[in-house]
Amino acid sequence: MSDLMIVPFHPSDQDDAKTLILAGLEEHWGRLDPALNPDLNNIAASYAGEVFLVARLAGVLVGTGALIRERAHVGRVVRMSVAQAERRTGIASRLLQSLTAQARLRGYTTLVLETTTTWDDARAFYMRHGFRRTHDADGDTHFVKAV
């Protein structure tokens, strides 16, 4: 996958990134309420000062992932999404590795994240990448990892 590039979000990525993320949510939930995702209406503003990465394969946006400050020394991974046709090709792993590198650069010692408890593939993915389940709450599984 030598033509895969992981780069910082640029405002010109807005429409493609929002469409990709919402398509993934709709795929998992079977329906979509865009009002539940207001951060996607202006990604540059919503994630200002944070890390929002996009994955491009042959120039096409095929993945996203973000890192936000949770509290001192703790970062939260959010908005991990890969286009359905490109899953299981290593894109999510590369995004997560890039976010982990950014976490270290920002002085984070711990990463946290959550995913829907019924999303077995996502849960297994995070555990393969060293995240440890801490608890389940409100339909989500919460994870932690030292970086």
N, C-alpha and C. Protein backbone atom coordinates (compact mmCIF):
# COMPACT_ATOMS: atom_id res chain seq x y z
N MET A 1 0.84 -1.17 0.00
CA MET A 1 0.00 0.00 0.00
C MET A 1 0.89 1.24 0.00
N SER A 2 1.81 1.27 -0.94
CA SER A 2 2.78 2.35 -1.00
C SER A 2 2.16 3.68 -1.39
N ASP A 3 0.99 3.66 -2.00
CA ASP A 3 0.37 4.93 -2.39
C ASP A 3 -0.59 5.46 -1.33
N LEU A 4 -0.55 4.88 -0.12
CA LEU A 4 -1.36 5.38 0.99
C LEU A 4 -0.62 6.53 1.66
N MET A 5 -1.32 7.62 1.85
CA MET A 5 -0.75 8.78 2.55
C MET A 5 -1.65 9.13 3.73
N ILE A 6 -1.03 9.32 4.88
CA ILE A 6 -1.74 9.80 6.06
C ILE A 6 -1.29 11.25 6.25
N VAL A 7 -2.25 12.17 6.17
CA VAL A 7 -1.92 13.60 6.22
C VAL A 7 -2.91 14.33 7.13
N PRO A 8 -2.51 15.50 7.61
CA PRO A 8 -3.44 16.30 8.41
C PRO A 8 -4.65 16.74 7.58
N PHE A 9 -5.77 16.81 8.23
CA PHE A 9 -7.00 17.30 7.61
C PHE A 9 -6.77 18.71 7.07
N HIS A 10 -7.34 18.96 5.91
CA HIS A 10 -7.34 20.29 5.30
C HIS A 10 -8.80 20.65 5.04
N PRO A 11 -9.19 21.91 5.16
CA PRO A 11 -10.59 22.27 4.93
C PRO A 11 -11.16 21.74 3.60
N SER A 12 -10.32 21.54 2.61
CA SER A 12 -10.81 20.99 1.34
C SER A 12 -11.24 19.52 1.48
N ASP A 13 -10.89 18.88 2.60
CA ASP A 13 -11.30 17.50 2.88
C ASP A 13 -12.68 17.42 3.52
N GLN A 14 -13.26 18.56 3.88
CA GLN A 14 -14.49 18.62 4.66
C GLN A 14 -15.58 17.69 4.14
N ASP A 15 -16.00 17.87 2.92
CA ASP A 15 -17.14 17.10 2.41
C ASP A 15 -16.84 15.60 2.34
N ASP A 16 -15.65 15.24 1.87
CA ASP A 16 -15.30 13.82 1.75
C ASP A 16 -15.19 13.16 3.12
N ALA A 17 -14.58 13.85 4.08
CA ALA A 17 -14.42 13.28 5.42
C ALA A 17 -15.79 13.10 6.09
N LYS A 18 -16.62 14.11 6.02
CA LYS A 18 -17.96 14.01 6.62
C LYS A 18 -18.75 12.88 5.98
N THR A 19 -18.73 12.80 4.66
CA THR A 19 -19.47 11.75 3.95
C THR A 19 -18.97 10.37 4.36
N LEU A 20 -17.66 10.19 4.44
CA LEU A 20 -17.08 8.90 4.81
C LEU A 20 -17.52 8.48 6.21
N ILE A 21 -17.40 9.39 7.16
CA ILE A 21 -17.74 9.06 8.54
C ILE A 21 -19.23 8.75 8.68
N LEU A 22 -20.06 9.58 8.09
CA LEU A 22 -21.51 9.35 8.19
C LEU A 22 -21.92 8.06 7.49
N ALA A 23 -21.27 7.72 6.38
CA ALA A 23 -21.58 6.46 5.68
C ALA A 23 -21.26 5.27 6.58
N GLY A 24 -20.14 5.34 7.28
CA GLY A 24 -19.79 4.26 8.19
C GLY A 24 -20.77 4.12 9.34
N LEU A 25 -21.21 5.25 9.87
CA LEU A 25 -22.20 5.20 10.95
C LEU A 25 -23.52 4.63 10.45
N GLU A 26 -23.94 5.06 9.28
CA GLU A 26 -25.20 4.56 8.72
C GLU A 26 -25.11 3.06 8.45
N GLU A 27 -23.97 2.63 7.98
CA GLU A 27 -23.77 1.19 7.73
C GLU A 27 -23.95 0.39 9.01
N HIS A 28 -23.38 0.87 10.10
CA HIS A 28 -23.46 0.15 11.37
C HIS A 28 -24.83 0.25 12.02
N TRP A 29 -25.46 1.41 11.94
CA TRP A 29 -26.72 1.63 12.63
C TRP A 29 -27.94 1.34 11.77
N GLY A 30 -27.76 1.31 10.43
CA GLY A 30 -28.89 1.06 9.55
C GLY A 30 -29.72 2.31 9.26
N ARG A 31 -29.42 3.38 9.95
CA ARG A 31 -30.10 4.66 9.75
C ARG A 31 -29.14 5.73 10.22
N LEU A 32 -29.47 6.95 9.92
CA LEU A 32 -28.56 8.02 10.28
C LEU A 32 -29.32 9.28 10.66
N ASP A 33 -28.90 9.90 11.74
CA ASP A 33 -29.40 11.20 12.15
C ASP A 33 -28.21 12.15 12.16
N PRO A 34 -27.99 12.90 11.06
CA PRO A 34 -26.83 13.79 10.98
C PRO A 34 -26.78 14.82 12.11
N ALA A 35 -27.91 15.12 12.72
CA ALA A 35 -27.94 16.09 13.81
C ALA A 35 -27.15 15.59 15.02
N LEU A 36 -26.92 14.29 15.09
CA LEU A 36 -26.17 13.72 16.22
C LEU A 36 -24.67 13.89 16.06
N ASN A 37 -24.23 14.47 14.95
CA ASN A 37 -22.80 14.60 14.66
C ASN A 37 -22.44 16.04 14.26
N PRO A 38 -22.76 17.01 15.10
CA PRO A 38 -22.53 18.41 14.71
C PRO A 38 -21.06 18.76 14.50
N ASP A 39 -20.14 18.01 15.12
CA ASP A 39 -18.72 18.28 14.93
C ASP A 39 -18.29 18.10 13.48
N LEU A 40 -19.06 17.34 12.71
CA LEU A 40 -18.70 17.07 11.32
C LEU A 40 -19.12 18.19 10.38
N ASN A 41 -19.90 19.13 10.85
CA ASN A 41 -20.33 20.23 9.99
C ASN A 41 -19.20 21.20 9.68
N ASN A 42 -18.23 21.28 10.58
CA ASN A 42 -17.05 22.11 10.35
C ASN A 42 -15.89 21.47 11.10
N ILE A 43 -15.28 20.48 10.47
CA ILE A 43 -14.24 19.69 11.11
C ILE A 43 -13.06 20.57 11.52
N ALA A 44 -12.67 21.50 10.67
CA ALA A 44 -11.53 22.38 10.99
C ALA A 44 -11.77 23.14 12.29
N ALA A 45 -12.96 23.66 12.46
CA ALA A 45 -13.27 24.41 13.68
C ALA A 45 -13.45 23.47 14.87
N SER A 46 -14.14 22.36 14.66
CA SER A 46 -14.41 21.42 15.75
C SER A 46 -13.15 20.81 16.33
N TYR A 47 -12.14 20.62 15.50
CA TYR A 47 -10.91 19.95 15.94
C TYR A 47 -9.71 20.90 15.93
N ALA A 48 -9.98 22.20 15.97
CA ALA A 48 -8.89 23.19 16.00
C ALA A 48 -8.00 22.93 17.23
N GLY A 49 -6.71 22.89 17.01
CA GLY A 49 -5.78 22.64 18.10
C GLY A 49 -5.61 21.17 18.43
N GLU A 50 -6.36 20.32 17.79
CA GLU A 50 -6.28 18.88 18.00
C GLU A 50 -5.65 18.25 16.75
N VAL A 51 -5.68 16.94 16.66
CA VAL A 51 -5.13 16.23 15.50
C VAL A 51 -6.29 15.55 14.78
N PHE A 52 -6.44 15.85 13.52
CA PHE A 52 -7.43 15.16 12.69
C PHE A 52 -6.70 14.76 11.42
N LEU A 53 -6.58 13.45 11.21
CA LEU A 53 -5.84 12.92 10.07
C LEU A 53 -6.78 12.31 9.05
N VAL A 54 -6.36 12.35 7.80
CA VAL A 54 -7.08 11.66 6.74
C VAL A 54 -6.12 10.72 6.04
N ALA A 55 -6.66 9.62 5.56
CA ALA A 55 -5.90 8.66 4.77
C ALA A 55 -6.34 8.80 3.33
N ARG A 56 -5.37 8.93 2.45
CA ARG A 56 -5.64 9.03 1.02
C ARG A 56 -4.96 7.87 0.31
N LEU A 57 -5.73 7.19 -0.50
CA LEU A 57 -5.22 6.09 -1.31
C LEU A 57 -5.38 6.50 -2.76
N ALA A 58 -4.27 6.64 -3.46
CA ALA A 58 -4.29 7.12 -4.84
C ALA A 58 -5.08 8.43 -4.94
N GLY A 59 -4.92 9.28 -3.93
CA GLY A 59 -5.55 10.59 -3.93
C GLY A 59 -6.97 10.64 -3.41
N VAL A 60 -7.58 9.49 -3.17
CA VAL A 60 -8.97 9.43 -2.70
C VAL A 60 -8.99 9.30 -1.18
N LEU A 61 -9.81 10.11 -0.52
CA LEU A 61 -9.94 10.03 0.93
C LEU A 61 -10.65 8.73 1.30
N VAL A 62 -9.95 7.85 2.04
CA VAL A 62 -10.49 6.53 2.38
C VAL A 62 -10.51 6.27 3.89
N GLY A 63 -10.03 7.22 4.69
CA GLY A 63 -10.03 6.99 6.13
C GLY A 63 -9.84 8.28 6.90
N THR A 64 -10.28 8.24 8.16
CA THR A 64 -10.12 9.37 9.07
C THR A 64 -9.80 8.86 10.47
N GLY A 65 -9.21 9.71 11.25
CA GLY A 65 -8.98 9.43 12.65
C GLY A 65 -8.55 10.71 13.34
N ALA A 66 -8.98 10.89 14.58
CA ALA A 66 -8.65 12.12 15.30
C ALA A 66 -8.17 11.80 16.70
N LEU A 67 -7.40 12.73 17.23
CA LEU A 67 -6.88 12.65 18.58
C LEU A 67 -7.19 13.97 19.27
N ILE A 68 -7.91 13.88 20.38
CA ILE A 68 -8.26 15.08 21.13
C ILE A 68 -7.75 14.96 22.57
N ARG A 69 -7.52 16.10 23.17
CA ARG A 69 -7.06 16.10 24.56
C ARG A 69 -8.23 15.74 25.47
N GLU A 70 -8.02 14.72 26.28
CA GLU A 70 -9.02 14.31 27.26
C GLU A 70 -8.78 15.06 28.57
N ARG A 71 -7.54 15.02 29.02
CA ARG A 71 -7.08 15.74 30.21
C ARG A 71 -5.55 15.68 30.18
N ALA A 72 -4.89 16.23 31.17
CA ALA A 72 -3.44 16.24 31.18
C ALA A 72 -2.88 14.83 30.93
N HIS A 73 -2.04 14.72 29.94
CA HIS A 73 -1.33 13.48 29.59
C HIS A 73 -2.22 12.37 29.04
N VAL A 74 -3.48 12.68 28.77
CA VAL A 74 -4.40 11.67 28.23
C VAL A 74 -5.04 12.19 26.95
N GLY A 75 -4.91 11.41 25.89
CA GLY A 75 -5.55 11.73 24.62
C GLY A 75 -6.65 10.74 24.32
N ARG A 76 -7.64 11.19 23.59
CA ARG A 76 -8.77 10.33 23.20
C ARG A 76 -8.78 10.19 21.68
N VAL A 77 -8.84 8.94 21.22
CA VAL A 77 -8.96 8.64 19.80
C VAL A 77 -10.44 8.66 19.43
N VAL A 78 -10.78 9.43 18.40
CA VAL A 78 -12.16 9.54 17.95
C VAL A 78 -12.19 9.54 16.43
N ARG A 79 -13.35 9.38 15.88
CA ARG A 79 -13.64 9.51 14.45
C ARG A 79 -12.79 8.61 13.57
N MET A 80 -12.45 7.41 14.11
CA MET A 80 -11.77 6.41 13.28
C MET A 80 -12.80 5.84 12.31
N SER A 81 -12.51 5.95 11.03
CA SER A 81 -13.42 5.45 10.02
C SER A 81 -12.63 5.13 8.76
N VAL A 82 -12.97 4.00 8.13
CA VAL A 82 -12.34 3.60 6.87
C VAL A 82 -13.45 3.22 5.91
N ALA A 83 -13.30 3.64 4.66
CA ALA A 83 -14.28 3.30 3.62
C ALA A 83 -14.48 1.79 3.57
N GLN A 84 -15.72 1.38 3.44
CA GLN A 84 -16.05 -0.04 3.49
C GLN A 84 -15.20 -0.87 2.52
N ALA A 85 -15.00 -0.41 1.31
CA ALA A 85 -14.25 -1.17 0.31
C ALA A 85 -12.77 -1.30 0.64
N GLU A 86 -12.29 -0.48 1.58
CA GLU A 86 -10.86 -0.48 1.91
C GLU A 86 -10.56 -1.07 3.28
N ARG A 87 -11.54 -1.63 3.94
CA ARG A 87 -11.31 -2.21 5.27
C ARG A 87 -10.48 -3.48 5.16
N ARG A 88 -9.78 -3.75 6.25
CA ARG A 88 -8.92 -4.94 6.35
C ARG A 88 -7.73 -4.89 5.38
N THR A 89 -7.31 -3.67 5.07
CA THR A 89 -6.14 -3.50 4.19
C THR A 89 -4.99 -2.82 4.92
N GLY A 90 -5.16 -2.50 6.20
CA GLY A 90 -4.11 -1.87 6.98
C GLY A 90 -4.25 -0.37 7.14
N ILE A 91 -5.26 0.21 6.53
CA ILE A 91 -5.44 1.67 6.62
C ILE A 91 -5.72 2.10 8.06
N ALA A 92 -6.62 1.42 8.73
CA ALA A 92 -6.94 1.79 10.11
C ALA A 92 -5.71 1.62 11.01
N SER A 93 -4.94 0.58 10.77
CA SER A 93 -3.72 0.38 11.56
C SER A 93 -2.75 1.54 11.36
N ARG A 94 -2.57 1.95 10.13
CA ARG A 94 -1.68 3.07 9.84
C ARG A 94 -2.19 4.37 10.46
N LEU A 95 -3.50 4.59 10.39
CA LEU A 95 -4.07 5.78 11.03
C LEU A 95 -3.82 5.74 12.54
N LEU A 96 -4.07 4.61 13.16
CA LEU A 96 -3.89 4.49 14.60
C LEU A 96 -2.42 4.66 14.99
N GLN A 97 -1.51 4.12 14.20
CA GLN A 97 -0.08 4.31 14.46
C GLN A 97 0.28 5.79 14.37
N SER A 98 -0.26 6.48 13.38
CA SER A 98 0.02 7.91 13.23
C SER A 98 -0.54 8.71 14.39
N LEU A 99 -1.75 8.36 14.83
CA LEU A 99 -2.34 9.05 15.98
C LEU A 99 -1.53 8.79 17.25
N THR A 100 -1.04 7.57 17.41
CA THR A 100 -0.22 7.23 18.57
C THR A 100 1.08 8.04 18.56
N ALA A 101 1.69 8.18 17.39
CA ALA A 101 2.90 8.99 17.27
C ALA A 101 2.61 10.45 17.63
N GLN A 102 1.47 10.96 17.19
CA GLN A 102 1.08 12.33 17.53
C GLN A 102 0.84 12.47 19.03
N ALA A 103 0.28 11.43 19.64
CA ALA A 103 0.04 11.46 21.09
C ALA A 103 1.36 11.60 21.83
N ARG A 104 2.36 10.84 21.41
CA ARG A 104 3.67 10.94 22.05
C ARG A 104 4.25 12.35 21.89
N LEU A 105 4.14 12.90 20.69
CA LEU A 105 4.65 14.25 20.43
C LEU A 105 3.97 15.29 21.32
N ARG A 106 2.72 15.05 21.65
CA ARG A 106 1.96 15.99 22.49
C ARG A 106 2.15 15.72 23.99
N GLY A 107 2.95 14.73 24.31
CA GLY A 107 3.23 14.44 25.71
C GLY A 107 2.19 13.58 26.40
N TYR A 108 1.31 12.96 25.63
CA TYR A 108 0.33 12.07 26.24
C TYR A 108 1.02 10.76 26.63
N THR A 109 0.66 10.25 27.77
CA THR A 109 1.19 8.96 28.21
C THR A 109 0.14 7.87 28.12
N THR A 110 -1.10 8.28 27.90
CA THR A 110 -2.22 7.35 27.85
C THR A 110 -3.17 7.74 26.73
N LEU A 111 -3.69 6.73 26.06
CA LEU A 111 -4.75 6.93 25.08
C LEU A 111 -5.99 6.21 25.56
N VAL A 112 -7.15 6.81 25.35
CA VAL A 112 -8.43 6.18 25.65
C VAL A 112 -9.30 6.26 24.40
N LEU A 113 -10.26 5.40 24.34
CA LEU A 113 -11.24 5.43 23.25
C LEU A 113 -12.43 4.59 23.66
N GLU A 114 -13.47 4.71 22.87
CA GLU A 114 -14.65 3.87 23.07
C GLU A 114 -15.22 3.52 21.72
N THR A 115 -15.89 2.39 21.68
CA THR A 115 -16.60 1.97 20.49
C THR A 115 -17.85 1.22 20.92
N THR A 116 -18.79 1.13 20.04
CA THR A 116 -20.04 0.45 20.35
C THR A 116 -19.77 -1.01 20.69
N THR A 117 -20.35 -1.47 21.78
CA THR A 117 -20.09 -2.81 22.29
C THR A 117 -20.40 -3.90 21.27
N THR A 118 -21.38 -3.69 20.42
CA THR A 118 -21.75 -4.73 19.45
C THR A 118 -20.87 -4.73 18.20
N TRP A 119 -19.96 -3.77 18.08
CA TRP A 119 -19.07 -3.72 16.92
C TRP A 119 -17.85 -4.60 17.20
N ASP A 120 -18.05 -5.90 17.05
CA ASP A 120 -17.01 -6.87 17.40
C ASP A 120 -15.71 -6.64 16.63
N ASP A 121 -15.80 -6.31 15.35
CA ASP A 121 -14.59 -6.09 14.56
C ASP A 121 -13.78 -4.92 15.12
N ALA A 122 -14.44 -3.84 15.47
CA ALA A 122 -13.75 -2.68 16.02
C ALA A 122 -13.12 -3.01 17.37
N ARG A 123 -13.86 -3.70 18.20
CA ARG A 123 -13.32 -4.07 19.52
C ARG A 123 -12.08 -4.94 19.36
N ALA A 124 -12.15 -5.93 18.47
CA ALA A 124 -11.01 -6.81 18.24
C ALA A 124 -9.82 -6.03 17.66
N PHE A 125 -10.10 -5.09 16.76
CA PHE A 125 -9.05 -4.27 16.17
C PHE A 125 -8.27 -3.53 17.26
N TYR A 126 -8.98 -2.87 18.15
CA TYR A 126 -8.30 -2.09 19.19
C TYR A 126 -7.51 -2.99 20.14
N MET A 127 -8.05 -4.15 20.46
CA MET A 127 -7.32 -5.06 21.34
C MET A 127 -6.06 -5.59 20.64
N ARG A 128 -6.13 -5.84 19.33
CA ARG A 128 -4.93 -6.26 18.58
C ARG A 128 -3.86 -5.17 18.61
N HIS A 129 -4.27 -3.94 18.79
CA HIS A 129 -3.33 -2.83 18.81
C HIS A 129 -2.96 -2.38 20.22
N GLY A 130 -3.14 -3.27 21.18
CA GLY A 130 -2.65 -3.03 22.52
C GLY A 130 -3.58 -2.31 23.47
N PHE A 131 -4.80 -2.03 23.03
CA PHE A 131 -5.76 -1.40 23.94
C PHE A 131 -6.36 -2.46 24.84
N ARG A 132 -6.62 -2.07 26.08
CA ARG A 132 -7.21 -2.96 27.07
C ARG A 132 -8.59 -2.44 27.44
N ARG A 133 -9.57 -3.34 27.42
CA ARG A 133 -10.93 -2.99 27.80
C ARG A 133 -10.96 -2.62 29.27
N THR A 134 -11.57 -1.47 29.58
CA THR A 134 -11.70 -1.08 30.98
C THR A 134 -13.09 -1.35 31.51
N HIS A 135 -14.11 -1.07 30.68
CA HIS A 135 -15.48 -1.29 31.14
C HIS A 135 -16.45 -1.07 29.98
N ASP A 136 -17.68 -1.49 30.20
CA ASP A 136 -18.78 -1.22 29.28
C ASP A 136 -19.76 -0.29 29.99
N ALA A 137 -20.30 0.66 29.22
CA ALA A 137 -21.29 1.59 29.77
C ALA A 137 -22.14 2.15 28.64
N ASP A 138 -23.41 2.15 28.83
CA ASP A 138 -24.34 2.76 27.88
C ASP A 138 -24.16 2.26 26.45
N GLY A 139 -23.88 0.98 26.30
CA GLY A 139 -23.75 0.38 24.97
C GLY A 139 -22.39 0.54 24.33
N ASP A 140 -21.43 1.12 25.06
CA ASP A 140 -20.08 1.31 24.54
C ASP A 140 -19.08 0.53 25.37
N THR A 141 -18.01 0.07 24.71
CA THR A 141 -16.87 -0.54 25.38
C THR A 141 -15.76 0.50 25.41
N HIS A 142 -15.19 0.70 26.59
CA HIS A 142 -14.14 1.70 26.79
C HIS A 142 -12.79 1.01 26.89
N PHE A 143 -11.76 1.63 26.30
CA PHE A 143 -10.43 1.06 26.24
C PHE A 143 -9.39 2.07 26.70
N VAL A 144 -8.23 1.55 27.10
CA VAL A 144 -7.10 2.38 27.50
C VAL A 144 -5.82 1.71 27.01
N LYS A 145 -4.80 2.54 26.76
CA LYS A 145 -3.49 2.04 26.33
C LYS A 145 -2.43 3.03 26.76
N ALA A 146 -1.33 2.53 27.30
CA ALA A 146 -0.17 3.38 27.58
C ALA A 146 0.57 3.61 26.27
N VAL A 147 1.06 4.82 26.09
CA VAL A 147 1.82 5.12 24.85
C VAL A 147 3.26 5.51 25.17
